[in-house]
PDB file of N, CA and C in Angstrom:
ATOM      1  N   MET A   1     -41.806  13.133  46.703  1.00  0.00           N
ATOM      2  CA  MET A   1     -40.985  12.679  47.798  1.00  0.00           C
ATOM      3  C   MET A   1     -41.447  13.418  49.053  1.00  0.00           C
ATOM      4  N   TYR A   2     -41.450  12.679  50.175  1.00  0.00           N
ATOM      5  CA  TYR A   2     -41.806  13.235  51.472  1.00  0.00           C
ATOM      6  C   TYR A   2     -40.647  13.018  52.438  1.00  0.00           C
ATOM      7  N   GLY A   3     -40.531  13.905  53.418  1.00  0.00           N
ATOM      8  CA  GLY A   3     -39.458  13.774  54.379  1.00  0.00           C
ATOM      9  C   GLY A   3     -39.700  14.613  55.615  1.00  0.00           C
ATOM     10  N   LYS A   4     -38.725  14.531  56.532  1.00  0.00           N
ATOM     11  CA  LYS A   4     -38.697  15.329  57.755  1.00  0.00           C
ATOM     12  C   LYS A   4     -37.300  15.904  57.886  1.00  0.00           C
ATOM     13  N   ILE A   5     -37.190  17.063  58.526  1.00  0.00           N
ATOM     14  CA  ILE A   5     -35.881  17.616  58.847  1.00  0.00           C
ATOM     15  C   ILE A   5     -35.576  17.226  60.289  1.00  0.00           C
ATOM     16  N   ILE A   6     -34.526  16.439  60.462  1.00  0.00           N
ATOM     17  CA  ILE A   6     -34.098  16.002  61.790  1.00  0.00           C
ATOM     18  C   ILE A   6     -32.618  16.327  61.920  1.00  0.00           C
ATOM     19  N   ASP A   7     -32.270  17.102  62.953  1.00  0.00           N
ATOM     20  CA  ASP A   7     -30.890  17.549  63.175  1.00  0.00           C
ATOM     21  C   ASP A   7     -30.324  18.217  61.920  1.00  0.00           C
ATOM     22  N   ASN A   8     -31.107  19.075  61.317  1.00  0.00           N
ATOM     23  CA  ASN A   8     -30.718  19.836  60.123  1.00  0.00           C
ATOM     24  C   ASN A   8     -30.414  18.954  58.912  1.00  0.00           C
ATOM     25  N   ARG A   9     -30.904  17.744  58.908  1.00  0.00           N
ATOM     26  CA  ARG A   9     -30.717  16.835  57.767  1.00  0.00           C
ATOM     27  C   ARG A   9     -32.067  16.314  57.308  1.00  0.00           C
ATOM     28  N   LEU A  10     -32.150  16.053  56.032  1.00  0.00           N
ATOM     29  CA  LEU A  10     -33.386  15.526  55.476  1.00  0.00           C
ATOM     30  C   LEU A  10     -33.454  14.023  55.707  1.00  0.00           C
ATOM     31  N   GLN A  11     -34.564  13.577  56.301  1.00  0.00           N
ATOM     32  CA  GLN A  11     -34.826  12.147  56.444  1.00  0.00           C
ATOM     33  C   GLN A  11     -35.994  11.822  55.521  1.00  0.00           C
ATOM     34  N   ILE A  12     -35.747  10.979  54.546  1.00  0.00           N
ATOM     35  CA  ILE A  12     -36.770  10.608  53.571  1.00  0.00           C
ATOM     36  C   ILE A  12     -37.779   9.674  54.242  1.00  0.00           C
ATOM     37  N   ALA A  13     -39.039   9.819  53.879  1.00  0.00           N
ATOM     38  CA  ALA A  13     -40.099   8.960  54.424  1.00  0.00           C
ATOM     39  C   ALA A  13     -39.837   7.509  54.032  1.00  0.00           C
ATOM     40  N   PRO A  14     -40.071   6.599  54.971  1.00  0.00           N
ATOM     41  CA  PRO A  14     -39.843   5.179  54.661  1.00  0.00           C
ATOM     42  C   PRO A  14     -40.935   4.621  53.745  1.00  0.00           C
ATOM     43  N   ASN A  15     -40.609   3.539  53.094  1.00  0.00           N
ATOM     44  CA  ASN A  15     -41.570   2.825  52.276  1.00  0.00           C
ATOM     45  C   ASN A  15     -41.192   1.354  52.334  1.00  0.00           C
ATOM     46  N   PRO A  16     -41.990   0.530  52.914  1.00  0.00           N
ATOM     47  CA  PRO A  16     -43.336   0.735  53.423  1.00  0.00           C
ATOM     48  C   PRO A  16     -43.334   1.369  54.823  1.00  0.00           C
ATOM     49  N   VAL A  17     -44.541   1.744  55.288  1.00  0.00           N
ATOM     50  CA  VAL A  17     -44.719   2.253  56.649  1.00  0.00           C
ATOM     51  C   VAL A  17     -45.611   1.287  57.408  1.00  0.00           C
ATOM     52  N   VAL A  18     -45.498   1.315  58.729  1.00  0.00           N
ATOM     53  CA  VAL A  18     -46.334   0.459  59.571  1.00  0.00           C
ATOM     54  C   VAL A  18     -47.217   1.364  60.423  1.00  0.00           C
ATOM     55  N   ILE A  19     -48.536   1.155  60.316  1.00  0.00           N
ATOM     56  CA  ILE A  19     -49.509   1.907  61.107  1.00  0.00           C
ATOM     57  C   ILE A  19     -50.467   0.898  61.736  1.00  0.00           C
ATOM     58  N   ASP A  20     -50.583   0.957  63.067  1.00  0.00           N
ATOM     59  CA  ASP A  20     -51.482   0.042  63.788  1.00  0.00           C
ATOM     60  C   ASP A  20     -51.246  -1.406  63.372  1.00  0.00           C
ATOM     61  N   ASP A  21     -49.997  -1.823  63.370  1.00  0.00           N
ATOM     62  CA  ASP A  21     -49.599  -3.189  63.018  1.00  0.00           C
ATOM     63  C   ASP A  21     -49.938  -3.575  61.580  1.00  0.00           C
ATOM     64  N   LYS A  22     -50.246  -2.590  60.727  1.00  0.00           N
ATOM     65  CA  LYS A  22     -50.492  -2.856  59.314  1.00  0.00           C
ATOM     66  C   LYS A  22     -49.354  -2.261  58.497  1.00  0.00           C
ATOM     67  N   THR A  23     -48.841  -3.030  57.577  1.00  0.00           N
ATOM     68  CA  THR A  23     -47.787  -2.559  56.692  1.00  0.00           C
ATOM     69  C   THR A  23     -48.426  -2.014  55.421  1.00  0.00           C
ATOM     70  N   ILE A  24     -48.064  -0.758  55.120  1.00  0.00           N
ATOM     71  CA  ILE A  24     -48.618  -0.105  53.938  1.00  0.00           C
ATOM     72  C   ILE A  24     -47.478   0.201  52.974  1.00  0.00           C
ATOM     73  N   ALA A  25     -47.513  -0.460  51.822  1.00  0.00           N
ATOM     74  CA  ALA A  25     -46.506  -0.208  50.789  1.00  0.00           C
ATOM     75  C   ALA A  25     -46.962   0.978  49.950  1.00  0.00           C
ATOM     76  N   ASN A  26     -46.010   1.782  49.522  1.00  0.00           N
ATOM     77  CA  ASN A  26     -46.299   2.969  48.715  1.00  0.00           C
ATOM     78  C   ASN A  26     -47.390   3.838  49.345  1.00  0.00           C
ATOM     79  N   PRO A  27     -47.146   4.302  50.571  1.00  0.00           N
ATOM     80  CA  PRO A  27     -48.171   5.093  51.260  1.00  0.00           C
ATOM     81  C   PRO A  27     -48.459   6.400  50.521  1.00  0.00           C
ATOM     82  N   SER A  28     -49.688   6.832  50.608  1.00  0.00           N
ATOM     83  CA  SER A  28     -50.100   8.075  49.951  1.00  0.00           C
ATOM     84  C   SER A  28     -49.548   9.273  50.711  1.00  0.00           C
ATOM     85  N   GLY A  29     -49.621  10.429  50.080  1.00  0.00           N
ATOM     86  CA  GLY A  29     -49.186  11.662  50.723  1.00  0.00           C
ATOM     87  C   GLY A  29     -49.972  11.951  51.989  1.00  0.00           C
ATOM     88  N   ASP A  30     -51.270  11.612  51.997  1.00  0.00           N
ATOM     89  CA  ASP A  30     -52.095  11.825  53.189  1.00  0.00           C
ATOM     90  C   ASP A  30     -51.590  11.006  54.368  1.00  0.00           C
ATOM     91  N   ILE A  31     -51.230   9.757  54.104  1.00  0.00           N
ATOM     92  CA  ILE A  31     -50.723   8.888  55.173  1.00  0.00           C
ATOM     93  C   ILE A  31     -49.390   9.426  55.679  1.00  0.00           C
ATOM     94  N   LEU A  32     -48.503   9.789  54.767  1.00  0.00           N
ATOM     95  CA  LEU A  32     -47.197  10.305  55.180  1.00  0.00           C
ATOM     96  C   LEU A  32     -47.337  11.612  55.961  1.00  0.00           C
ATOM     97  N   THR A  33     -48.282  12.447  55.564  1.00  0.00           N
ATOM     98  CA  THR A  33     -48.524  13.699  56.288  1.00  0.00           C
ATOM     99  C   THR A  33     -49.005  13.405  57.704  1.00  0.00           C
ATOM    100  N   GLN A  34     -49.870  12.404  57.865  1.00  0.00           N
ATOM    101  CA  GLN A  34     -50.342  12.008  59.194  1.00  0.00           C
ATOM    102  C   GLN A  34     -49.181  11.549  60.074  1.00  0.00           C
ATOM    103  N   LEU A  35     -48.160  10.996  59.450  1.00  0.00           N
ATOM    104  CA  LEU A  35     -46.982  10.524  60.192  1.00  0.00           C
ATOM    105  C   LEU A  35     -45.952  11.633  60.414  1.00  0.00           C
ATOM    106  N   GLY A  36     -46.263  12.854  59.974  1.00  0.00           N
ATOM    107  CA  GLY A  36     -45.383  13.991  60.215  1.00  0.00           C
ATOM    108  C   GLY A  36     -44.416  14.301  59.095  1.00  0.00           C
ATOM    109  N   TYR A  37     -44.545  13.617  57.970  1.00  0.00           N
ATOM    110  CA  TYR A  37     -43.681  13.889  56.822  1.00  0.00           C
ATOM    111  C   TYR A  37     -44.311  14.975  55.960  1.00  0.00           C
ATOM    112  N   LEU A  38     -43.471  15.745  55.314  1.00  0.00           N
ATOM    113  CA  LEU A  38     -43.921  16.854  54.471  1.00  0.00           C
ATOM    114  C   LEU A  38     -43.423  16.660  53.043  1.00  0.00           C
ATOM    115  N   PRO A  39     -44.126  17.229  52.066  1.00  0.00           N
ATOM    116  CA  PRO A  39     -43.632  17.163  50.688  1.00  0.00           C
ATOM    117  C   PRO A  39     -42.294  17.902  50.575  1.00  0.00           C
ATOM    118  N   VAL A  40     -41.391  17.332  49.790  1.00  0.00           N
ATOM    119  CA  VAL A  40     -40.070  17.931  49.585  1.00  0.00           C
ATOM    120  C   VAL A  40     -40.010  18.508  48.174  1.00  0.00           C
ATOM    121  N   VAL A  41     -39.667  19.788  48.104  1.00  0.00           N
ATOM    122  CA  VAL A  41     -39.516  20.459  46.821  1.00  0.00           C
ATOM    123  C   VAL A  41     -38.021  20.557  46.547  1.00  0.00           C
ATOM    124  N   THR A  42     -37.568  19.825  45.533  1.00  0.00           N
ATOM    125  CA  THR A  42     -36.135  19.787  45.236  1.00  0.00           C
ATOM    126  C   THR A  42     -35.759  20.850  44.219  1.00  0.00           C
ATOM    127  N   LYS A  43     -34.469  21.126  44.191  1.00  0.00           N
ATOM    128  CA  LYS A  43     -33.927  22.133  43.285  1.00  0.00           C
ATOM    129  C   LYS A  43     -32.650  21.553  42.686  1.00  0.00           C
ATOM    130  N   ASN A  44     -32.440  21.738  41.392  1.00  0.00           N
ATOM    131  CA  ASN A  44     -31.229  21.227  40.748  1.00  0.00           C
ATOM    132  C   ASN A  44     -29.989  21.888  41.323  1.00  0.00           C
ATOM    133  N   GLU A  45     -28.927  21.095  41.420  1.00  0.00           N
ATOM    134  CA  GLU A  45     -27.654  21.639  41.896  1.00  0.00           C
ATOM    135  C   GLU A  45     -27.142  22.674  40.899  1.00  0.00           C
ATOM    136  N   PRO A  46     -26.599  23.784  41.408  1.00  0.00           N
ATOM    137  CA  PRO A  46     -26.065  24.806  40.497  1.00  0.00           C
ATOM    138  C   PRO A  46     -24.935  24.239  39.631  1.00  0.00           C
ATOM    139  N   ALA A  47     -24.657  24.929  38.551  1.00  0.00           N
ATOM    140  CA  ALA A  47     -23.581  24.520  37.645  1.00  0.00           C
ATOM    141  C   ALA A  47     -22.256  24.544  38.378  1.00  0.00           C
ATOM    142  N   PHE A  48     -21.373  23.666  37.976  1.00  0.00           N
ATOM    143  CA  PHE A  48     -20.053  23.561  38.586  1.00  0.00           C
ATOM    144  C   PHE A  48     -19.321  24.891  38.516  1.00  0.00           C
ATOM    145  N   ALA A  49     -18.708  25.256  39.617  1.00  0.00           N
ATOM    146  CA  ALA A  49     -17.883  26.466  39.664  1.00  0.00           C
ATOM    147  C   ALA A  49     -16.496  26.047  40.135  1.00  0.00           C
ATOM    148  N   ASP A  50     -15.486  26.331  39.363  1.00  0.00           N
ATOM    149  CA  ASP A  50     -14.122  25.919  39.677  1.00  0.00           C
ATOM    150  C   ASP A  50     -13.715  26.426  41.058  1.00  0.00           C
ATOM    151  N   GLY A  51     -13.223  25.518  41.901  1.00  0.00           N
ATOM    152  CA  GLY A  51     -12.763  25.891  43.229  1.00  0.00           C
ATOM    153  C   GLY A  51     -13.857  25.882  44.288  1.00  0.00           C
ATOM    154  N   TYR A  52     -15.054  25.428  43.924  1.00  0.00           N
ATOM    155  CA  TYR A  52     -16.179  25.414  44.861  1.00  0.00           C
ATOM    156  C   TYR A  52     -16.894  24.062  44.819  1.00  0.00           C
ATOM    157  N   TYR A  53     -17.626  23.781  45.874  1.00  0.00           N
ATOM    158  CA  TYR A  53     -18.530  22.638  45.889  1.00  0.00           C
ATOM    159  C   TYR A  53     -19.830  23.101  46.541  1.00  0.00           C
ATOM    160  N   TYR A  54     -20.881  22.335  46.378  1.00  0.00           N
ATOM    161  CA  TYR A  54     -22.202  22.707  46.883  1.00  0.00           C
ATOM    162  C   TYR A  54     -22.710  21.649  47.853  1.00  0.00           C
ATOM    163  N   LYS A  55     -23.349  22.115  48.923  1.00  0.00           N
ATOM    164  CA  LYS A  55     -24.001  21.223  49.884  1.00  0.00           C
ATOM    165  C   LYS A  55     -25.479  21.574  49.903  1.00  0.00           C
ATOM    166  N   SER A  56     -26.314  20.543  49.864  1.00  0.00           N
ATOM    167  CA  SER A  56     -27.745  20.821  49.913  1.00  0.00           C
ATOM    168  C   SER A  56     -28.170  21.133  51.344  1.00  0.00           C
ATOM    169  N   VAL A  57     -29.095  22.078  51.466  1.00  0.00           N
ATOM    170  CA  VAL A  57     -29.678  22.462  52.749  1.00  0.00           C
ATOM    171  C   VAL A  57     -31.190  22.456  52.588  1.00  0.00           C
ATOM    172  N   TYR A  58     -31.878  22.171  53.680  1.00  0.00           N
ATOM    173  CA  TYR A  58     -33.320  22.054  53.627  1.00  0.00           C
ATOM    174  C   TYR A  58     -33.953  22.958  54.682  1.00  0.00           C
ATOM    175  N   THR A  59     -35.047  23.611  54.294  1.00  0.00           N
ATOM    176  CA  THR A  59     -35.797  24.447  55.221  1.00  0.00           C
ATOM    177  C   THR A  59     -37.277  24.104  55.099  1.00  0.00           C
ATOM    178  N   GLU A  60     -37.965  24.250  56.213  1.00  0.00           N
ATOM    179  CA  GLU A  60     -39.392  23.979  56.238  1.00  0.00           C
ATOM    180  C   GLU A  60     -40.128  25.310  56.196  1.00  0.00           C
ATOM    181  N   ASN A  61     -41.136  25.389  55.319  1.00  0.00           N
ATOM    182  CA  ASN A  61     -41.893  26.622  55.176  1.00  0.00           C
ATOM    183  C   ASN A  61     -43.276  26.293  54.626  1.00  0.00           C
ATOM    184  N   GLU A  62     -44.304  26.761  55.286  1.00  0.00           N
ATOM    185  CA  GLU A  62     -45.689  26.603  54.835  1.00  0.00           C
ATOM    186  C   GLU A  62     -46.051  25.152  54.518  1.00  0.00           C
ATOM    187  N   GLY A  63     -45.665  24.242  55.403  1.00  0.00           N
ATOM    188  CA  GLY A  63     -46.047  22.846  55.253  1.00  0.00           C
ATOM    189  C   GLY A  63     -45.294  22.077  54.193  1.00  0.00           C
ATOM    190  N   LYS A  64     -44.162  22.613  53.738  1.00  0.00           N
ATOM    191  CA  LYS A  64     -43.322  21.908  52.764  1.00  0.00           C
ATOM    192  C   LYS A  64     -41.864  22.053  53.171  1.00  0.00           C
ATOM    193  N   ILE A  65     -41.037  21.179  52.629  1.00  0.00           N
ATOM    194  CA  ILE A  65     -39.592  21.258  52.833  1.00  0.00           C
ATOM    195  C   ILE A  65     -38.977  21.658  51.506  1.00  0.00           C
ATOM    196  N   TYR A  66     -38.154  22.695  51.549  1.00  0.00           N
ATOM    197  CA  TYR A  66     -37.528  23.205  50.328  1.00  0.00           C
ATOM    198  C   TYR A  66     -36.026  22.943  50.360  1.00  0.00           C
ATOM    199  N   GLN A  67     -35.517  22.456  49.259  1.00  0.00           N
ATOM    200  CA  GLN A  67     -34.077  22.239  49.110  1.00  0.00           C
ATOM    201  C   GLN A  67     -33.449  23.480  48.500  1.00  0.00           C
ATOM    202  N   ASP A  68     -32.279  23.823  49.001  1.00  0.00           N
ATOM    203  CA  ASP A  68     -31.483  24.879  48.397  1.00  0.00           C
ATOM    204  C   ASP A  68     -30.032  24.414  48.447  1.00  0.00           C
ATOM    205  N   TRP A  69     -29.134  25.216  47.933  1.00  0.00           N
ATOM    206  CA  TRP A  69     -27.727  24.830  47.849  1.00  0.00           C
ATOM    207  C   TRP A  69     -26.845  25.912  48.448  1.00  0.00           C
ATOM    208  N   GLU A  70     -25.869  25.478  49.265  1.00  0.00           N
ATOM    209  CA  GLU A  70     -24.865  26.396  49.808  1.00  0.00           C
ATOM    210  C   GLU A  70     -23.567  26.192  49.045  1.00  0.00           C
ATOM    211  N   LYS A  71     -22.937  27.285  48.684  1.00  0.00           N
ATOM    212  CA  LYS A  71     -21.678  27.246  47.936  1.00  0.00           C
ATOM    213  C   LYS A  71     -20.530  27.356  48.937  1.00  0.00           C
ATOM    214  N   HIS A  72     -19.540  26.459  48.817  1.00  0.00           N
ATOM    215  CA  HIS A  72     -18.380  26.442  49.710  1.00  0.00           C
ATOM    216  C   HIS A  72     -17.095  26.380  48.898  1.00  0.00           C
ATOM    217  N   LYS A  73     -16.079  27.050  49.381  1.00  0.00           N
ATOM    218  CA  LYS A  73     -14.774  26.948  48.733  1.00  0.00           C
ATOM    219  C   LYS A  73     -14.160  25.596  49.054  1.00  0.00           C
ATOM    220  N   LEU A  74     -13.418  25.053  48.108  1.00  0.00           N
ATOM    221  CA  LEU A  74     -12.755  23.780  48.337  1.00  0.00           C
ATOM    222  C   LEU A  74     -11.775  23.861  49.497  1.00  0.00           C
ATOM    223  N   GLU A  75     -11.202  25.024  49.755  1.00  0.00           N
ATOM    224  CA  GLU A  75     -10.281  25.187  50.877  1.00  0.00           C
ATOM    225  C   GLU A  75     -10.962  24.833  52.187  1.00  0.00           C
ATOM    226  N   GLU A  76     -12.268  25.194  52.327  1.00  0.00           N
ATOM    227  CA  GLU A  76     -12.998  24.867  53.538  1.00  0.00           C
ATOM    228  C   GLU A  76     -13.057  23.361  53.724  1.00  0.00           C
ATOM    229  N   GLU A  77     -13.305  22.644  52.628  1.00  0.00           N
ATOM    230  CA  GLU A  77     -13.344  21.197  52.703  1.00  0.00           C
ATOM    231  C   GLU A  77     -11.966  20.658  53.064  1.00  0.00           C
ATOM    232  N   ASN A  78     -10.910  21.236  52.498  1.00  0.00           N
ATOM    233  CA  ASN A  78      -9.560  20.771  52.790  1.00  0.00           C
ATOM    234  C   ASN A  78      -9.199  20.988  54.250  1.00  0.00           C
ATOM    235  N   ASP A  79      -9.634  22.108  54.848  1.00  0.00           N
ATOM    236  CA  ASP A  79      -9.386  22.342  56.263  1.00  0.00           C
ATOM    237  C   ASP A  79     -10.062  21.265  57.103  1.00  0.00           C
ATOM    238  N   GLU A  80     -11.286  20.926  56.735  1.00  0.00           N
ATOM    239  CA  GLU A  80     -12.014  19.885  57.453  1.00  0.00           C
ATOM    240  C   GLU A  80     -11.297  18.546  57.299  1.00  0.00           C
ATOM    241  N   MET A  81     -10.845  18.248  56.087  1.00  0.00           N
ATOM    242  CA  MET A  81     -10.116  17.001  55.858  1.00  0.00           C
ATOM    243  C   MET A  81      -8.819  16.971  56.650  1.00  0.00           C
ATOM    244  N   ALA A  82      -8.134  18.097  56.770  1.00  0.00           N
ATOM    245  CA  ALA A  82      -6.888  18.165  57.540  1.00  0.00           C
ATOM    246  C   ALA A  82      -7.156  17.840  59.003  1.00  0.00           C
ATOM    247  N   GLN A  83      -8.248  18.336  59.533  1.00  0.00           N
ATOM    248  CA  GLN A  83      -8.605  18.041  60.925  1.00  0.00           C
ATOM    249  C   GLN A  83      -8.901  16.560  61.111  1.00  0.00           C
ATOM    250  N   ILE A  84      -9.606  15.976  60.151  1.00  0.00           N
ATOM    251  CA  ILE A  84      -9.924  14.553  60.227  1.00  0.00           C
ATOM    252  C   ILE A  84      -8.645  13.722  60.160  1.00  0.00           C
ATOM    253  N   LYS A  85      -7.738  14.074  59.246  1.00  0.00           N
ATOM    254  CA  LYS A  85      -6.478  13.342  59.121  1.00  0.00           C
ATOM    255  C   LYS A  85      -5.650  13.447  60.399  1.00  0.00           C
ATOM    256  N   LYS A  86      -5.634  14.625  61.013  1.00  0.00           N
ATOM    257  CA  LYS A  86      -4.901  14.812  62.266  1.00  0.00           C
ATOM    258  C   LYS A  86      -5.468  13.899  63.346  1.00  0.00           C
ATOM    259  N   GLN A  87      -6.792  13.818  63.422  1.00  0.00           N
ATOM    260  CA  GLN A  87      -7.435  12.951  64.411  1.00  0.00           C
ATOM    261  C   GLN A  87      -7.109  11.485  64.138  1.00  0.00           C
ATOM    262  N   VAL A  88      -7.160  11.089  62.867  1.00  0.00           N
ATOM    263  CA  VAL A  88      -6.853   9.702  62.500  1.00  0.00           C
ATOM    264  C   VAL A  88      -5.403   9.373  62.872  1.00  0.00           C
ATOM    265  N   ASN A  89      -4.466  10.275  62.570  1.00  0.00           N
ATOM    266  CA  ASN A  89      -3.065  10.039  62.922  1.00  0.00           C
ATOM    267  C   ASN A  89      -2.891   9.906  64.429  1.00  0.00           C
ATOM    268  N   GLY A  90      -3.574  10.752  65.188  1.00  0.00           N
ATOM    269  CA  GLY A  90      -3.511  10.657  66.648  1.00  0.00           C
ATOM    270  C   GLY A  90      -4.048   9.326  67.135  1.00  0.00           C
ATOM    271  N   ASN A  91      -5.150   8.871  66.546  1.00  0.00           N
ATOM    272  CA  ASN A  91      -5.729   7.580  66.918  1.00  0.00           C
ATOM    273  C   ASN A  91      -4.780   6.445  66.559  1.00  0.00           C
ATOM    274  N   THR A  92      -4.132   6.542  65.395  1.00  0.00           N
ATOM    275  CA  THR A  92      -3.196   5.509  64.964  1.00  0.00           C
ATOM    276  C   THR A  92      -2.023   5.398  65.939  1.00  0.00           C
ATOM    277  N   GLU A  93      -1.489   6.537  66.365  1.00  0.00           N
ATOM    278  CA  GLU A  93      -0.385   6.529  67.329  1.00  0.00           C
ATOM    279  C   GLU A  93      -0.822   5.897  68.645  1.00  0.00           C
ATOM    280  N   GLN A  94      -2.033   6.201  69.074  1.00  0.00           N
ATOM    281  CA  GLN A  94      -2.554   5.648  70.320  1.00  0.00           C
ATOM    282  C   GLN A  94      -2.731   4.132  70.199  1.00  0.00           C
ATOM    283  N   ILE A  95      -3.257   3.671  69.075  1.00  0.00           N
ATOM    284  CA  ILE A  95      -3.453   2.244  68.852  1.00  0.00           C
ATOM    285  C   ILE A  95      -2.113   1.521  68.821  1.00  0.00           C
ATOM    286  N   THR A  96      -1.131   2.097  68.137  1.00  0.00           N
ATOM    287  CA  THR A  96       0.198   1.491  68.063  1.00  0.00           C
ATOM    288  C   THR A  96       0.814   1.364  69.450  1.00  0.00           C
ATOM    289  N   ALA A  97       0.722   2.400  70.251  1.00  0.00           N
ATOM    290  CA  ALA A  97       1.266   2.368  71.609  1.00  0.00           C
ATOM    291  C   ALA A  97       0.563   1.294  72.441  1.00  0.00           C
ATOM    292  N   THR A  98      -0.732   1.175  72.280  1.00  0.00           N
ATOM    293  CA  THR A  98      -1.485   0.152  73.019  1.00  0.00           C
ATOM    294  C   THR A  98      -1.069  -1.242  72.576  1.00  0.00           C
ATOM    295  N   GLN A  99      -0.896  -1.439  71.276  1.00  0.00           N
ATOM    296  CA  GLN A  99      -0.464  -2.746  70.769  1.00  0.00           C
ATOM    297  C   GLN A  99       0.920  -3.111  71.299  1.00  0.00           C
ATOM    298  N   GLU A 100       1.829  -2.143  71.318  1.00  0.00           N
ATOM    299  CA  GLU A 100       3.174  -2.396  71.838  1.00  0.00           C
ATOM    300  C   GLU A 100       3.120  -2.769  73.320  1.00  0.00           C
ATOM    301  N   ALA A 101       2.290  -2.080  74.080  1.00  0.00           N
ATOM    302  CA  ALA A 101       2.160  -2.385  75.512  1.00  0.00           C
ATOM    303  C   ALA A 101       1.581  -3.776  75.706  1.00  0.00           C
ATOM    304  N   LEU A 102       0.631  -4.154  74.891  1.00  0.00           N
ATOM    305  CA  LEU A 102       0.051  -5.497  74.987  1.00  0.00           C
ATOM    306  C   LEU A 102       1.069  -6.568  74.633  1.00  0.00           C
ATOM    307  N   CYS A 103       1.899  -6.311  73.631  1.00  0.00           N
ATOM    308  CA  CYS A 103       2.948  -7.264  73.257  1.00  0.00           C
ATOM    309  C   CYS A 103       3.935  -7.462  74.404  1.00  0.00           C
ATOM    310  N   GLU A 104       4.342  -6.358  75.038  1.00  0.00           N
ATOM    311  CA  GLU A 104       5.257  -6.446  76.178  1.00  0.00           C
ATOM    312  C   GLU A 104       4.623  -7.226  77.323  1.00  0.00           C
ATOM    313  N   LEU A 105       3.358  -6.981  77.584  1.00  0.00           N
ATOM    314  CA  LEU A 105       2.646  -7.666  78.632  1.00  0.00           C
ATOM    315  C   LEU A 105       2.545  -9.153  78.317  1.00  0.00           C
ATOM    316  N   TYR A 106       2.245  -9.476  77.074  1.00  0.00           N
ATOM    317  CA  TYR A 106       2.142 -10.871  76.642  1.00  0.00           C
ATOM    318  C   TYR A 106       3.478 -11.588  76.828  1.00  0.00           C
ATOM    319  N   GLU A 107       4.580 -10.933  76.412  1.00  0.00           N
ATOM    320  CA  GLU A 107       5.913 -11.526  76.559  1.00  0.00           C
ATOM    321  C   GLU A 107       6.269 -11.728  78.023  1.00  0.00           C
ATOM    322  N   ALA A 108       5.850 -10.826  78.877  1.00  0.00           N
ATOM    323  CA  ALA A 108       6.141 -10.953  80.312  1.00  0.00           C
ATOM    324  C   ALA A 108       5.367 -12.122  80.916  1.00  0.00           C
ATOM    325  N   VAL A 109       4.161 -12.360  80.428  1.00  0.00           N
ATOM    326  CA  VAL A 109       3.324 -13.435  80.966  1.00  0.00           C
ATOM    327  C   VAL A 109       3.786 -14.779  80.441  1.00  0.00           C
ATOM    328  N   VAL A 110       4.190 -14.823  79.189  1.00  0.00           N
ATOM    329  CA  VAL A 110       4.596 -16.091  78.554  1.00  0.00           C
ATOM    330  C   VAL A 110       5.994 -16.354  78.949  1.00  0.00           C
TER     331      VAL A 110
END
């Protein structure tokens, strides 16, 4: 597998690729390297640990991309989810208020 790290995320090399208006299916490693993609060395996810989850992280070193795993407590994920839910609730309230205002406007016009 070949890829690039863009915005701290792994982008897998496309297949097929287009070079000079030619479509190449199943491009070789040499072609992908010419396009700026590097070989990706993957690592198995660690064994499950109660109360934790793992996120893959990628680093570039010596012309290759290496996968590793970061361990996070589930509480961290729950805090993030709480923030997302708060934002969604705020958006829902805003949408409801807008819908009510539109209904009033519609009734005034009709």
